[in-house]
C-alpha atoms as a PDB file:
ATOM      1  CA  MET A   1      20.995 -16.763   8.640  1.00  0.00           C
ATOM      2  CA  SER A   2      18.286 -16.822   5.999  1.00  0.00           C
ATOM      3  CA  LYS A   3      15.188 -18.913   6.442  1.00  0.00           C
ATOM      4  CA  SER A   4      14.840 -22.119   4.472  1.00  0.00           C
ATOM      5  CA  PRO A   5      11.570 -22.623   2.645  1.00  0.00           C
ATOM      6  CA  LYS A   6       9.272 -25.533   3.371  1.00  0.00           C
ATOM      7  CA  VAL A   7       9.241 -27.578   0.193  1.00  0.00           C
ATOM      8  CA  PRO A   8       6.396 -29.939  -0.761  1.00  0.00           C
ATOM      9  CA  GLN A   9       7.024 -33.693  -0.623  1.00  0.00           C
ATOM     10  CA  ILE A  10       6.927 -33.951  -4.424  1.00  0.00           C
ATOM     11  CA  TYR A  11      10.169 -31.943  -4.470  1.00  0.00           C
ATOM     12  CA  LYS A  12      11.914 -35.107  -3.240  1.00  0.00           C
ATOM     13  CA  PHE A  13      10.466 -37.271  -6.031  1.00  0.00           C
ATOM     14  CA  PRO A  14      13.359 -38.111  -8.416  1.00  0.00           C
ATOM     15  CA  PRO A  15      11.304 -38.313 -11.672  1.00  0.00           C
ATOM     16  CA  LEU A  16      10.248 -34.683 -11.161  1.00  0.00           C
ATOM     17  CA  TYR A  17      13.709 -33.617 -12.336  1.00  0.00           C
ATOM     18  CA  THR A  18      13.640 -35.539 -15.625  1.00  0.00           C
ATOM     19  CA  PRO A  19      11.331 -34.418 -18.457  1.00  0.00           C
ATOM     20  CA  GLN A  20       8.670 -37.076 -18.916  1.00  0.00           C
ATOM     21  CA  THR A  21       7.860 -38.246 -22.438  1.00  0.00           C
ATOM     22  CA  ASN A  22       4.111 -38.739 -21.984  1.00  0.00           C
ATOM     23  CA  LYS A  23       2.409 -35.417 -22.864  1.00  0.00           C
ATOM     24  CA  LEU A  24      -0.157 -35.590 -20.070  1.00  0.00           C
ATOM     25  CA  ILE A  25       2.455 -36.462 -17.457  1.00  0.00           C
ATOM     26  CA  ARG A  26       4.757 -33.746 -18.821  1.00  0.00           C
ATOM     27  CA  LYS A  27       2.014 -31.123 -18.469  1.00  0.00           C
ATOM     28  CA  GLN A  28       1.368 -32.225 -14.877  1.00  0.00           C
ATOM     29  CA  GLN A  29       5.100 -32.096 -14.258  1.00  0.00           C
ATOM     30  CA  LEU A  30       5.280 -28.509 -15.538  1.00  0.00           C
ATOM     31  CA  GLN A  31       2.257 -27.564 -13.410  1.00  0.00           C
ATOM     32  CA  THR A  32       3.993 -29.084 -10.394  1.00  0.00           C
ATOM     33  CA  TRP A  33       7.182 -27.111 -11.023  1.00  0.00           C
ATOM     34  CA  GLU A  34       5.155 -23.920 -11.436  1.00  0.00           C
ATOM     35  CA  SER A  35       3.378 -24.620  -8.153  1.00  0.00           C
ATOM     36  CA  ILE A  36       6.669 -25.294  -6.338  1.00  0.00           C
ATOM     37  CA  ILE A  37       8.258 -22.087  -7.640  1.00  0.00           C
ATOM     38  CA  LEU A  38       5.222 -19.954  -6.765  1.00  0.00           C
ATOM     39  CA  GLN A  39       4.907 -21.529  -3.312  1.00  0.00           C
ATOM     40  CA  ILE A  40       8.559 -21.024  -2.420  1.00  0.00           C
ATOM     41  CA  CYS A  41       8.694 -17.462  -3.758  1.00  0.00           C
ATOM     42  CA  SER A  42       5.547 -16.653  -1.778  1.00  0.00           C
ATOM     43  CA  GLN A  43       6.984 -18.152   1.419  1.00  0.00           C
ATOM     44  CA  LEU A  44      10.193 -16.171   1.020  1.00  0.00           C
ATOM     45  CA  SER A  45       8.489 -13.026  -0.362  1.00  0.00           C
ATOM     46  CA  LYS A  46      10.824 -13.175  -3.347  1.00  0.00           C
ATOM     47  CA  TRP A  47       9.790 -11.264  -6.447  1.00  0.00           C
ATOM     48  CA  CYS A  48      12.696 -12.253  -8.687  1.00  0.00           C
ATOM     49  CA  ILE A  49      14.851 -15.329  -9.020  1.00  0.00           C
ATOM     50  CA  SER A  50      17.654 -16.303 -11.324  1.00  0.00           C
ATOM     51  CA  LYS A  51      16.820 -18.347 -14.388  1.00  0.00           C
ATOM     52  CA  ASN A  52      18.855 -21.216 -12.964  1.00  0.00           C
ATOM     53  CA  GLY A  53      16.477 -21.310  -9.974  1.00  0.00           C
ATOM     54  CA  LYS A  54      18.857 -19.932  -7.373  1.00  0.00           C
ATOM     55  CA  ILE A  55      17.319 -17.757  -4.686  1.00  0.00           C
ATOM     56  CA  TYR A  56      19.624 -15.614  -2.572  1.00  0.00           C
ATOM     57  CA  ASP A  57      19.151 -13.726   0.672  1.00  0.00           C
ATOM     58  CA  THR A  58      18.901 -10.063  -0.266  1.00  0.00           C
ATOM     59  CA  ASN A  59      20.918  -8.866   2.730  1.00  0.00           C
ATOM     60  CA  SER A  60      23.676 -11.446   3.077  1.00  0.00           C
ATOM     61  CA  GLY A  61      23.893 -12.717  -0.497  1.00  0.00           C
ATOM     62  CA  GLU A  62      23.752 -16.238   0.941  1.00  0.00           C
ATOM     63  CA  LEU A  63      22.141 -18.928  -1.212  1.00  0.00           C
ATOM     64  CA  ILE A  64      18.768 -19.908   0.267  1.00  0.00           C
ATOM     65  CA  ILE A  65      17.789 -22.596  -2.213  1.00  0.00           C
ATOM     66  CA  SER A  66      18.655 -23.786  -5.676  1.00  0.00           C
ATOM     67  CA  LEU A  67      15.218 -24.822  -6.922  1.00  0.00           C
ATOM     68  CA  PHE A  68      16.299 -26.988  -9.820  1.00  0.00           C
ATOM     69  CA  GLU A  69      18.888 -28.925  -7.807  1.00  0.00           C
ATOM     70  CA  ASN A  70      18.107 -31.292  -4.964  1.00  0.00           C
ATOM     71  CA  ASP A  71      21.298 -32.505  -3.305  1.00  0.00           C
ATOM     72  CA  GLU A  72      19.320 -34.654  -0.878  1.00  0.00           C
ATOM     73  CA  ILE A  73      18.234 -36.974  -3.706  1.00  0.00           C
ATOM     74  CA  GLN A  74      21.120 -36.073  -6.027  1.00  0.00           C
ATOM     75  CA  ARG A  75      18.887 -34.821  -8.831  1.00  0.00           C
ATOM     76  CA  SER A  76      18.812 -31.685 -10.946  1.00  0.00           C
ATOM     77  CA  CYS A  77      16.937 -30.379 -13.972  1.00  0.00           C
ATOM     78  CA  SER A  78      18.805 -29.917 -17.234  1.00  0.00           C
ATOM     79  CA  GLN A  79      19.102 -26.382 -18.604  1.00  0.00           C
ATOM     80  CA  GLU A  80      16.742 -27.349 -21.431  1.00  0.00           C
ATOM     81  CA  PHE A  81      14.122 -28.548 -18.964  1.00  0.00           C
ATOM     82  CA  GLN A  82      14.574 -25.422 -16.842  1.00  0.00           C
ATOM     83  CA  GLN A  83      13.886 -23.339 -19.953  1.00  0.00           C
ATOM     84  CA  GLU A  84      10.779 -25.415 -20.673  1.00  0.00           C
ATOM     85  CA  ILE A  85       9.528 -24.734 -17.134  1.00  0.00           C
ATOM     86  CA  TRP A  86      10.132 -20.997 -17.591  1.00  0.00           C
ATOM     87  CA  ASN A  87       8.394 -21.034 -20.986  1.00  0.00           C
ATOM     88  CA  TYR A  88       5.386 -22.708 -19.360  1.00  0.00           C
ATOM     89  CA  MET A  89       5.286 -20.049 -16.639  1.00  0.00           C
ATOM     90  CA  LEU A  90       5.726 -17.250 -19.175  1.00  0.00           C
ATOM     91  CA  GLN A  91       2.739 -18.620 -21.123  1.00  0.00           C
ATOM     92  CA  ASN A  92       0.663 -18.729 -17.932  1.00  0.00           C
ATOM     93  CA  GLY A  93       1.627 -15.196 -16.902  1.00  0.00           C
ATOM     94  CA  THR A  94       3.171 -16.349 -13.628  1.00  0.00           C
ATOM     95  CA  ALA A  95       6.683 -15.322 -14.690  1.00  0.00           C
ATOM     96  CA  LEU A  96       8.154 -12.499 -16.699  1.00  0.00           C
ATOM     97  CA  GLN A  97      11.655 -12.323 -18.119  1.00  0.00           C
ATOM     98  CA  LEU A  98      13.237  -9.084 -16.952  1.00  0.00           C
ATOM     99  CA  LYS A  99      14.990  -6.537 -19.166  1.00  0.00           C
ATOM    100  CA  ASP A 100      13.161  -7.811 -22.278  1.00  0.00           C
ATOM    101  CA  SER A 101      16.278  -9.678 -23.279  1.00  0.00           C
ATOM    102  CA  GLU A 102      16.718 -13.278 -24.318  1.00  0.00           C
ATOM    103  CA  ASP A 103      19.928 -13.533 -22.324  1.00  0.00           C
ATOM    104  CA  SER A 104      18.524 -11.968 -19.159  1.00  0.00           C
ATOM    105  CA  THR A 105      19.195 -14.151 -16.168  1.00  0.00           C
ATOM    106  CA  LEU A 106      16.421 -12.826 -13.928  1.00  0.00           C
ATOM    107  CA  MET A 107      12.806 -13.916 -13.872  1.00  0.00           C
ATOM    108  CA  ALA A 108      10.040 -11.938 -12.197  1.00  0.00           C
ATOM    109  CA  ILE A 109       7.650 -14.233 -10.338  1.00  0.00           C
ATOM    110  CA  PHE A 110       3.965 -13.447  -9.858  1.00  0.00           C
ATOM    111  CA  TRP A 111       3.047 -15.646  -6.911  1.00  0.00           C
ATOM    112  CA  GLU A 112      -0.324 -13.949  -7.028  1.00  0.00           C
ATOM    113  CA  SER A 113      -2.066 -12.712 -10.155  1.00  0.00           C
ATOM    114  CA  LEU A 114      -1.862  -9.051 -11.138  1.00  0.00           C
ATOM    115  CA  ASP A 115      -5.612  -8.781 -10.520  1.00  0.00           C
ATOM    116  CA  SER A 116      -5.191 -10.196  -7.026  1.00  0.00           C
ATOM    117  CA  TRP A 117      -2.361  -7.756  -6.262  1.00  0.00           C
ATOM    118  CA  SER A 118      -4.402  -4.838  -7.606  1.00  0.00           C
ATOM    119  CA  SER A 119      -7.318  -5.824  -5.349  1.00  0.00           C
ATOM    120  CA  THR A 120      -4.947  -6.063  -2.378  1.00  0.00           C
ATOM    121  CA  ILE A 121      -3.571  -2.570  -3.017  1.00  0.00           C
ATOM    122  CA  LEU A 122      -7.090  -1.208  -3.525  1.00  0.00           C
ATOM    123  CA  GLU A 123      -8.184  -2.746  -0.197  1.00  0.00           C
ATOM    124  CA  TRP A 124      -5.108  -1.227   1.476  1.00  0.00           C
ATOM    125  CA  CYS A 125      -6.026   2.218   0.115  1.00  0.00           C
ATOM    126  CA  GLU A 126      -9.577   1.819   1.389  1.00  0.00           C
ATOM    127  CA  SER A 127      -8.502   0.640   4.851  1.00  0.00           C
ATOM    128  CA  THR A 128      -5.838   3.334   5.311  1.00  0.00           C
ATOM    129  CA  GLY A 129      -7.882   6.244   3.985  1.00  0.00           C
ATOM    130  CA  LYS A 130      -5.651   6.790   0.967  1.00  0.00           C
ATOM    131  CA  LEU A 131      -8.447   6.785  -1.612  1.00  0.00           C
ATOM    132  CA  ASN A 132      -8.559   9.982  -3.672  1.00  0.00           C
ATOM    133  CA  GLN A 133      -5.088  10.985  -2.471  1.00  0.00           C
ATOM    134  CA  VAL A 134      -1.936  11.171  -4.540  1.00  0.00           C
ATOM    135  CA  ILE A 135       0.520   8.551  -3.315  1.00  0.00           C
ATOM    136  CA  THR A 136       3.923   7.587  -4.619  1.00  0.00           C
ATOM    137  CA  ILE A 137       5.055   4.145  -5.724  1.00  0.00           C
ATOM    138  CA  TYR A 138       7.610   4.318  -2.901  1.00  0.00           C
ATOM    139  CA  GLU A 139       4.806   4.838  -0.350  1.00  0.00           C
ATOM    140  CA  ILE A 140       3.042   1.735  -1.619  1.00  0.00           C
ATOM    141  CA  CYS A 141       6.040  -0.581  -1.862  1.00  0.00           C
ATOM    142  CA  GLU A 142       8.583   0.607   0.667  1.00  0.00           C
ATOM    143  CA  SER A 143       6.964   2.787   3.302  1.00  0.00           C
ATOM    144  CA  ASP A 144       7.568   1.644   6.878  1.00  0.00           C
ATOM    145  CA  GLU A 145       3.827   1.788   7.510  1.00  0.00           C
ATOM    146  CA  ASN A 146       3.428  -1.097   5.035  1.00  0.00           C
ATOM    147  CA  ILE A 147       6.127  -3.345   6.446  1.00  0.00           C
ATOM    148  CA  ASN A 148       3.503  -5.951   7.402  1.00  0.00           C
ATOM    149  CA  CYS A 149       1.651  -5.776   4.079  1.00  0.00           C
ATOM    150  CA  LYS A 150       2.282  -8.648   1.707  1.00  0.00           C
ATOM    151  CA  PHE A 151       3.123  -6.201  -1.097  1.00  0.00           C
ATOM    152  CA  TYR A 152       5.898  -4.581   0.967  1.00  0.00           C
ATOM    153  CA  GLY A 153       9.127  -4.765  -1.007  1.00  0.00           C
ATOM    154  CA  MET A 154       7.381  -5.199  -4.351  1.00  0.00           C
ATOM    155  CA  PRO A 155       9.674  -3.834  -7.065  1.00  0.00           C
ATOM    156  CA  SER A 156       8.365  -0.601  -8.561  1.00  0.00           C
ATOM    157  CA  SER A 157       8.229  -2.210 -12.016  1.00  0.00           C
ATOM    158  CA  PHE A 158       5.823  -4.842 -10.625  1.00  0.00           C
ATOM    159  CA  CYS A 159       3.806  -2.197  -8.849  1.00  0.00           C
ATOM    160  CA  LEU A 160       3.337  -0.318 -12.117  1.00  0.00           C
ATOM    161  CA  LEU A 161       1.967  -3.469 -13.763  1.00  0.00           C
ATOM    162  CA  VAL A 162      -0.409  -3.931 -10.826  1.00  0.00           C
ATOM    163  CA  LEU A 163      -1.513  -0.300 -10.866  1.00  0.00           C
ATOM    164  CA  GLN A 164      -2.152  -0.533 -14.603  1.00  0.00           C
ATOM    165  CA  ARG A 165      -4.842  -3.118 -13.776  1.00  0.00           C
ATOM    166  CA  LEU A 166      -6.524  -0.514 -11.560  1.00  0.00           C
ATOM    167  CA  VAL A 167      -6.216   2.052 -14.364  1.00  0.00           C
ATOM    168  CA  ASP A 168      -7.835  -0.440 -16.757  1.00  0.00           C
ATOM    169  CA  ARG A 169     -10.717  -0.819 -14.266  1.00  0.00           C
ATOM    170  CA  ASN A 170     -11.048   3.000 -14.005  1.00  0.00           C
ATOM    171  CA  ARG A 171     -10.018   2.860 -10.352  1.00  0.00           C
ATOM    172  CA  ALA A 172      -6.702   4.720 -10.668  1.00  0.00           C
ATOM    173  CA  THR A 173      -4.900   7.462 -12.534  1.00  0.00           C
ATOM    174  CA  LEU A 174      -1.142   7.351 -12.984  1.00  0.00           C
ATOM    175  CA  LEU A 175       0.627  10.674 -12.551  1.00  0.00           C
ATOM    176  CA  LYS A 176       3.682  11.233 -14.725  1.00  0.00           C
ATOM    177  CA  ASP A 177       6.551  13.676 -14.761  1.00  0.00           C
ATOM    178  CA  GLN A 178       8.690  13.765 -17.897  1.00  0.00           C
ATOM    179  CA  GLY A 179       7.155  10.478 -19.033  1.00  0.00           C
ATOM    180  CA  LYS A 180       7.957   8.625 -15.798  1.00  0.00           C
ATOM    181  CA  VAL A 181       5.250   7.529 -13.362  1.00  0.00           C
ATOM    182  CA  VAL A 182       5.788   9.357 -10.076  1.00  0.00           C
ATOM    183  CA  GLY A 183       2.506   8.734  -8.323  1.00  0.00           C
ATOM    184  CA  VAL A 184      -0.982   7.372  -8.471  1.00  0.00           C
ATOM    185  CA  LYS A 185      -4.422   8.464  -7.391  1.00  0.00           C
ATOM    186  CA  ILE A 186      -6.672   5.530  -6.565  1.00  0.00           C
ATOM    187  CA  VAL A 187     -10.416   6.182  -6.473  1.00  0.00           C
END
């Protein structure tokens, strides 16, 4: 059985599901939806969710939550409003549409900023003695020694975005083989 996320009280507020006409209220509404999505993805350690807001258990395939539908209060967001929420998150850099396609149904969720993730990975390298060593993306994201790290399970495509921040700060060098990143040296 997959764990159910703890949702904030505002999630049970019926007007949240209907786009508000007042610009100020609408902006607050979009901020609230962004906060809910980030909070739930963080709780569940989910990196990607479907554009329709459905989050599934990776192992069982069981639906954990459908973010834009609340059966308890019999409310749901229209597809147009869902797209507006995603556009807001895309603008803020807290979501990324995968596969660079307009019809892609998956959204990558950054429940922490790329800078925050890069600092976390840098701290991990410092605390585990991995500075100045070549390490693979697999070692960072999927190694059993990192099972309790909050970046454990991070998709390699996310990890590359995070590591690029360290490269930009002159704290890392990406190692490539035939144009594909195979490792990193963090200094």
